[in-house]
């Protein structure tokens, strides 16, 4: 990084910290603590969340873990809640990328 880029980043972080201290609403992109944590993670070589780019986590064997992968894991959790809800009909079309569940949980899904 060049000196100007580092200076501009530090100026932005100071402005974010002052805004948060003044009571302005904080989002991911304006929270200085989150921004610094993401910078540290990226410097360490940790990958970003492929679905939202709202975070990073430690890679497992060089890959982003499914639980940290945003949409994929959230969709799986939603399906599991629906499947385990009594008297709720879950159709195979609802599985999306999780078609493997139909083979493992026979007779739990309606055609």
N, C-alpha and C. Protein backbone atom coordinates (compact mmCIF):
# COMPACT_ATOMS: atom_id res chain seq x y z
N UNK A 1 0.84 -1.19 0.00
CA UNK A 1 0.00 0.00 0.00
C UNK A 1 0.89 1.24 0.00
N UNK A 2 0.38 2.25 -0.65
CA UNK A 2 1.13 3.50 -0.67
C UNK A 2 0.83 4.30 0.58
N UNK A 3 1.65 5.30 0.81
CA UNK A 3 1.47 6.16 1.98
C UNK A 3 0.12 6.87 1.92
N UNK A 4 -0.28 7.34 0.74
CA UNK A 4 -1.57 8.04 0.61
C UNK A 4 -2.75 7.12 0.91
N UNK A 5 -2.69 5.88 0.45
CA UNK A 5 -3.78 4.94 0.70
C UNK A 5 -3.92 4.65 2.20
N UNK A 6 -2.79 4.48 2.86
CA UNK A 6 -2.82 4.23 4.31
C UNK A 6 -3.36 5.45 5.05
N UNK A 7 -2.91 6.61 4.65
CA UNK A 7 -3.37 7.86 5.29
C UNK A 7 -4.88 8.04 5.09
N UNK A 8 -5.36 7.79 3.88
CA UNK A 8 -6.80 7.93 3.62
C UNK A 8 -7.62 6.91 4.41
N UNK A 9 -7.12 5.70 4.55
CA UNK A 9 -7.81 4.68 5.32
C UNK A 9 -7.89 5.08 6.79
N UNK A 10 -6.80 5.55 7.34
CA UNK A 10 -6.81 5.97 8.74
C UNK A 10 -7.72 7.17 8.95
N UNK A 11 -7.74 8.10 8.02
CA UNK A 11 -8.65 9.25 8.11
C UNK A 11 -10.10 8.77 8.11
N UNK A 12 -10.42 7.82 7.22
CA UNK A 12 -11.79 7.29 7.16
C UNK A 12 -12.16 6.59 8.46
N UNK A 13 -11.25 5.79 9.02
CA UNK A 13 -11.53 5.11 10.29
C UNK A 13 -11.75 6.11 11.42
N UNK A 14 -10.98 7.17 11.45
CA UNK A 14 -11.18 8.20 12.48
C UNK A 14 -12.54 8.88 12.33
N UNK A 15 -12.93 9.15 11.09
CA UNK A 15 -14.24 9.76 10.85
C UNK A 15 -15.38 8.82 11.26
N UNK A 16 -15.22 7.54 10.97
CA UNK A 16 -16.23 6.56 11.38
C UNK A 16 -16.33 6.48 12.89
N UNK A 17 -15.18 6.49 13.56
CA UNK A 17 -15.18 6.43 15.02
C UNK A 17 -15.83 7.67 15.62
N UNK A 18 -15.56 8.85 15.06
CA UNK A 18 -16.18 10.08 15.54
C UNK A 18 -17.68 10.07 15.30
N UNK A 19 -18.12 9.57 14.13
CA UNK A 19 -19.55 9.52 13.83
C UNK A 19 -20.27 8.56 14.77
N UNK A 20 -19.65 7.40 15.04
CA UNK A 20 -20.27 6.45 15.98
C UNK A 20 -20.34 7.05 17.38
N UNK A 21 -19.30 7.77 17.78
CA UNK A 21 -19.30 8.41 19.09
C UNK A 21 -20.33 9.51 19.20
N UNK A 22 -20.68 10.14 18.06
CA UNK A 22 -21.68 11.20 18.05
C UNK A 22 -23.10 10.66 17.98
N UNK A 23 -23.25 9.34 17.86
CA UNK A 23 -24.58 8.75 17.88
C UNK A 23 -25.17 8.43 16.51
N UNK A 24 -24.39 8.58 15.45
CA UNK A 24 -24.89 8.22 14.13
C UNK A 24 -25.06 6.71 14.04
N UNK A 25 -26.00 6.24 13.22
CA UNK A 25 -26.18 4.79 13.10
C UNK A 25 -24.93 4.13 12.48
N UNK A 26 -24.67 2.92 12.93
CA UNK A 26 -23.48 2.21 12.48
C UNK A 26 -23.91 1.02 11.63
N UNK A 27 -23.30 0.88 10.47
CA UNK A 27 -23.52 -0.28 9.61
C UNK A 27 -22.18 -1.00 9.48
N UNK A 28 -22.18 -2.12 8.79
CA UNK A 28 -20.92 -2.85 8.61
C UNK A 28 -19.84 -1.95 8.03
N UNK A 29 -20.19 -1.20 7.01
CA UNK A 29 -19.18 -0.43 6.29
C UNK A 29 -18.76 0.84 7.01
N UNK A 30 -19.42 1.18 8.09
CA UNK A 30 -19.03 2.38 8.84
C UNK A 30 -18.61 2.06 10.27
N UNK A 31 -18.56 0.81 10.63
CA UNK A 31 -18.15 0.43 11.98
C UNK A 31 -16.63 0.24 11.98
N UNK A 32 -15.90 1.13 12.66
CA UNK A 32 -14.43 1.04 12.61
C UNK A 32 -13.89 -0.27 13.17
N UNK A 33 -14.52 -0.81 14.20
CA UNK A 33 -14.02 -2.06 14.78
C UNK A 33 -14.15 -3.20 13.77
N UNK A 34 -15.27 -3.25 13.06
CA UNK A 34 -15.48 -4.30 12.06
C UNK A 34 -14.50 -4.13 10.90
N UNK A 35 -14.31 -2.89 10.46
CA UNK A 35 -13.40 -2.62 9.34
C UNK A 35 -11.96 -3.04 9.67
N UNK A 36 -11.53 -2.74 10.88
CA UNK A 36 -10.17 -3.12 11.29
C UNK A 36 -10.05 -4.65 11.37
N UNK A 37 -11.09 -5.31 11.91
CA UNK A 37 -11.07 -6.77 12.00
C UNK A 37 -10.99 -7.40 10.61
N UNK A 38 -11.75 -6.86 9.65
CA UNK A 38 -11.72 -7.39 8.28
C UNK A 38 -10.36 -7.15 7.63
N UNK A 39 -9.75 -6.01 7.91
CA UNK A 39 -8.42 -5.74 7.36
C UNK A 39 -7.40 -6.73 7.90
N UNK A 40 -7.49 -7.04 9.19
CA UNK A 40 -6.58 -8.01 9.80
C UNK A 40 -6.79 -9.39 9.19
N UNK A 41 -8.06 -9.79 9.03
CA UNK A 41 -8.37 -11.10 8.46
C UNK A 41 -7.87 -11.21 7.01
N UNK A 42 -8.07 -10.16 6.23
CA UNK A 42 -7.62 -10.18 4.84
C UNK A 42 -6.09 -10.24 4.77
N UNK A 43 -5.44 -9.51 5.65
CA UNK A 43 -3.98 -9.53 5.68
C UNK A 43 -3.47 -10.92 6.04
N UNK A 44 -4.24 -11.64 6.87
CA UNK A 44 -3.87 -13.00 7.25
C UNK A 44 -4.19 -14.01 6.15
N UNK A 45 -4.87 -13.55 5.08
CA UNK A 45 -5.18 -14.44 3.97
C UNK A 45 -6.49 -15.17 4.11
N UNK A 46 -7.33 -14.77 5.06
CA UNK A 46 -8.62 -15.43 5.23
C UNK A 46 -9.57 -14.97 4.13
N UNK A 47 -10.35 -15.88 3.55
CA UNK A 47 -11.26 -15.50 2.46
C UNK A 47 -12.49 -14.76 2.98
N UNK A 48 -13.08 -13.95 2.11
CA UNK A 48 -14.33 -13.27 2.45
C UNK A 48 -15.51 -14.20 2.21
N UNK A 49 -16.63 -13.90 2.86
CA UNK A 49 -17.86 -14.64 2.67
C UNK A 49 -18.26 -14.54 1.20
N UNK A 50 -18.37 -15.64 0.48
CA UNK A 50 -18.65 -15.57 -0.95
C UNK A 50 -20.06 -15.11 -1.29
N UNK A 51 -20.99 -15.13 -0.34
CA UNK A 51 -22.36 -14.77 -0.67
C UNK A 51 -22.68 -13.31 -0.41
N UNK A 52 -22.10 -12.72 0.62
CA UNK A 52 -22.47 -11.35 0.98
C UNK A 52 -21.29 -10.38 1.04
N UNK A 53 -20.08 -10.86 1.09
CA UNK A 53 -18.90 -10.04 1.30
C UNK A 53 -19.06 -9.18 2.55
N UNK A 54 -19.64 -9.74 3.58
CA UNK A 54 -19.84 -9.03 4.83
C UNK A 54 -19.00 -9.58 5.96
N UNK A 55 -17.98 -10.31 5.63
CA UNK A 55 -17.15 -10.84 6.69
C UNK A 55 -16.17 -11.85 6.15
N UNK A 56 -15.37 -12.35 7.05
CA UNK A 56 -14.41 -13.36 6.69
C UNK A 56 -14.26 -14.31 7.86
N UNK A 57 -13.69 -15.45 7.60
CA UNK A 57 -13.44 -16.39 8.69
C UNK A 57 -12.22 -17.21 8.35
N UNK A 58 -11.74 -17.94 9.32
CA UNK A 58 -10.54 -18.73 9.12
C UNK A 58 -10.82 -19.85 8.13
N UNK A 59 -9.98 -20.00 7.11
CA UNK A 59 -10.20 -21.07 6.14
C UNK A 59 -9.93 -22.44 6.75
N UNK A 60 -10.68 -23.43 6.28
CA UNK A 60 -10.49 -24.80 6.71
C UNK A 60 -9.95 -25.56 5.51
N UNK A 61 -8.72 -26.01 5.60
CA UNK A 61 -8.03 -26.70 4.52
C UNK A 61 -8.06 -25.87 3.23
N UNK A 62 -7.89 -24.56 3.38
CA UNK A 62 -7.80 -23.66 2.25
C UNK A 62 -9.13 -23.26 1.63
N UNK A 63 -10.25 -23.67 2.22
CA UNK A 63 -11.56 -23.36 1.67
C UNK A 63 -12.42 -22.67 2.71
N UNK A 64 -13.43 -21.94 2.24
CA UNK A 64 -14.36 -21.27 3.13
C UNK A 64 -15.33 -22.30 3.68
N UNK A 65 -15.50 -22.41 5.00
CA UNK A 65 -16.39 -23.43 5.55
C UNK A 65 -17.86 -23.14 5.23
N UNK A 66 -18.65 -24.19 5.06
CA UNK A 66 -20.06 -24.02 4.71
C UNK A 66 -20.82 -23.20 5.76
N UNK A 67 -20.51 -23.42 7.03
CA UNK A 67 -21.24 -22.68 8.07
C UNK A 67 -20.98 -21.19 7.99
N UNK A 68 -19.86 -20.79 7.47
CA UNK A 68 -19.55 -19.39 7.32
C UNK A 68 -19.94 -18.84 5.97
N UNK A 69 -20.51 -19.68 5.11
CA UNK A 69 -20.76 -19.30 3.73
C UNK A 69 -22.04 -18.57 3.46
N UNK A 70 -22.72 -18.10 4.46
CA UNK A 70 -23.89 -17.26 4.23
C UNK A 70 -25.08 -18.01 3.68
N UNK A 71 -25.44 -17.77 2.44
CA UNK A 71 -26.68 -18.27 1.85
C UNK A 71 -26.79 -19.79 1.88
N UNK A 72 -25.73 -20.49 1.55
CA UNK A 72 -25.79 -21.94 1.49
C UNK A 72 -26.21 -22.51 2.84
N UNK A 73 -25.56 -22.08 3.89
CA UNK A 73 -25.84 -22.62 5.22
C UNK A 73 -27.18 -22.11 5.74
N UNK A 74 -27.51 -20.85 5.47
CA UNK A 74 -28.79 -20.30 5.92
C UNK A 74 -29.95 -21.05 5.26
N UNK A 75 -29.80 -21.35 3.98
CA UNK A 75 -30.85 -22.09 3.29
C UNK A 75 -31.01 -23.49 3.88
N UNK A 76 -29.90 -24.14 4.20
CA UNK A 76 -29.95 -25.45 4.82
C UNK A 76 -30.64 -25.39 6.18
N UNK A 77 -30.33 -24.38 6.98
CA UNK A 77 -30.96 -24.23 8.30
C UNK A 77 -32.46 -23.99 8.15
N UNK A 78 -32.86 -23.21 7.17
CA UNK A 78 -34.28 -22.93 6.95
C UNK A 78 -35.01 -24.21 6.55
N UNK A 79 -34.43 -24.99 5.65
CA UNK A 79 -35.05 -26.25 5.24
C UNK A 79 -35.17 -27.21 6.42
N UNK A 80 -34.14 -27.28 7.25
CA UNK A 80 -34.19 -28.20 8.39
C UNK A 80 -35.30 -27.80 9.36
N UNK A 81 -35.50 -26.49 9.55
CA UNK A 81 -36.61 -26.04 10.40
C UNK A 81 -37.95 -26.46 9.81
N UNK A 82 -38.08 -26.29 8.49
CA UNK A 82 -39.34 -26.65 7.84
C UNK A 82 -39.59 -28.15 7.90
N UNK A 83 -38.57 -28.95 7.66
CA UNK A 83 -38.73 -30.40 7.68
C UNK A 83 -39.12 -30.87 9.07
N UNK A 84 -38.58 -30.27 10.10
CA UNK A 84 -38.86 -30.70 11.46
C UNK A 84 -40.10 -30.06 12.07
N UNK A 85 -40.78 -29.20 11.33
CA UNK A 85 -42.03 -28.62 11.82
C UNK A 85 -43.17 -29.60 11.54
N UNK A 86 -43.91 -29.92 12.57
CA UNK A 86 -44.99 -30.89 12.38
C UNK A 86 -46.11 -30.29 11.54
N UNK A 87 -46.74 -31.15 10.75
CA UNK A 87 -47.88 -30.82 9.89
C UNK A 87 -47.56 -29.77 8.83
N UNK A 88 -46.31 -29.63 8.46
CA UNK A 88 -45.91 -28.73 7.38
C UNK A 88 -45.41 -29.58 6.22
N UNK A 89 -46.01 -29.38 5.05
CA UNK A 89 -45.63 -30.14 3.87
C UNK A 89 -44.46 -29.43 3.19
N UNK A 90 -43.36 -30.15 3.02
CA UNK A 90 -42.18 -29.61 2.34
C UNK A 90 -42.00 -30.39 1.04
N UNK A 91 -42.01 -29.69 -0.07
CA UNK A 91 -41.88 -30.32 -1.38
C UNK A 91 -40.41 -30.39 -1.79
N UNK A 92 -40.10 -31.38 -2.66
CA UNK A 92 -38.72 -31.56 -3.12
C UNK A 92 -38.20 -30.33 -3.84
N UNK A 93 -39.07 -29.61 -4.52
CA UNK A 93 -38.64 -28.42 -5.26
C UNK A 93 -38.09 -27.35 -4.31
N UNK A 94 -38.47 -27.39 -3.06
CA UNK A 94 -38.04 -26.41 -2.07
C UNK A 94 -36.56 -26.61 -1.68
N UNK A 95 -36.01 -27.78 -1.98
CA UNK A 95 -34.65 -28.09 -1.53
C UNK A 95 -33.56 -27.31 -2.25
N UNK A 96 -33.79 -26.92 -3.50
CA UNK A 96 -32.78 -26.16 -4.23
C UNK A 96 -31.47 -26.92 -4.34
N UNK A 97 -30.36 -26.29 -3.88
CA UNK A 97 -29.05 -26.94 -3.98
C UNK A 97 -28.86 -28.07 -2.99
N UNK A 98 -29.85 -28.30 -2.15
CA UNK A 98 -29.76 -29.35 -1.14
C UNK A 98 -30.59 -30.58 -1.53
N UNK A 99 -30.55 -30.95 -2.80
CA UNK A 99 -31.27 -32.14 -3.28
C UNK A 99 -30.75 -33.41 -2.61
N UNK A 100 -29.54 -33.39 -2.13
CA UNK A 100 -28.97 -34.55 -1.45
C UNK A 100 -29.78 -34.95 -0.23
N UNK A 101 -30.56 -34.00 0.34
CA UNK A 101 -31.39 -34.33 1.50
C UNK A 101 -32.49 -35.31 1.15
N UNK A 102 -33.00 -35.23 -0.08
CA UNK A 102 -34.08 -36.12 -0.50
C UNK A 102 -33.62 -37.57 -0.48
N UNK A 103 -32.35 -37.80 -0.77
CA UNK A 103 -31.82 -39.17 -0.76
C UNK A 103 -31.54 -39.66 0.66
N UNK A 104 -31.17 -38.75 1.52
CA UNK A 104 -30.82 -39.15 2.89
C UNK A 104 -32.04 -39.24 3.80
N UNK A 105 -33.06 -38.42 3.54
CA UNK A 105 -34.25 -38.41 4.37
C UNK A 105 -35.43 -38.88 3.53
N UNK A 106 -35.46 -40.16 3.28
CA UNK A 106 -36.51 -40.73 2.44
C UNK A 106 -37.88 -40.52 3.08
N UNK A 107 -38.87 -40.26 2.28
CA UNK A 107 -40.28 -40.12 2.67
C UNK A 107 -40.52 -38.94 3.62
N UNK A 108 -39.64 -37.95 3.61
CA UNK A 108 -39.88 -36.73 4.40
C UNK A 108 -40.36 -35.58 3.52
N UNK A 109 -40.24 -35.79 2.19
CA UNK A 109 -40.60 -34.72 1.27
C UNK A 109 -41.73 -35.17 0.37
N UNK A 110 -42.65 -34.27 0.10
CA UNK A 110 -43.78 -34.56 -0.77
C UNK A 110 -43.37 -34.31 -2.21
N UNK A 111 -43.89 -35.11 -3.12
CA UNK A 111 -43.58 -34.93 -4.54
C UNK A 111 -44.35 -33.74 -5.04
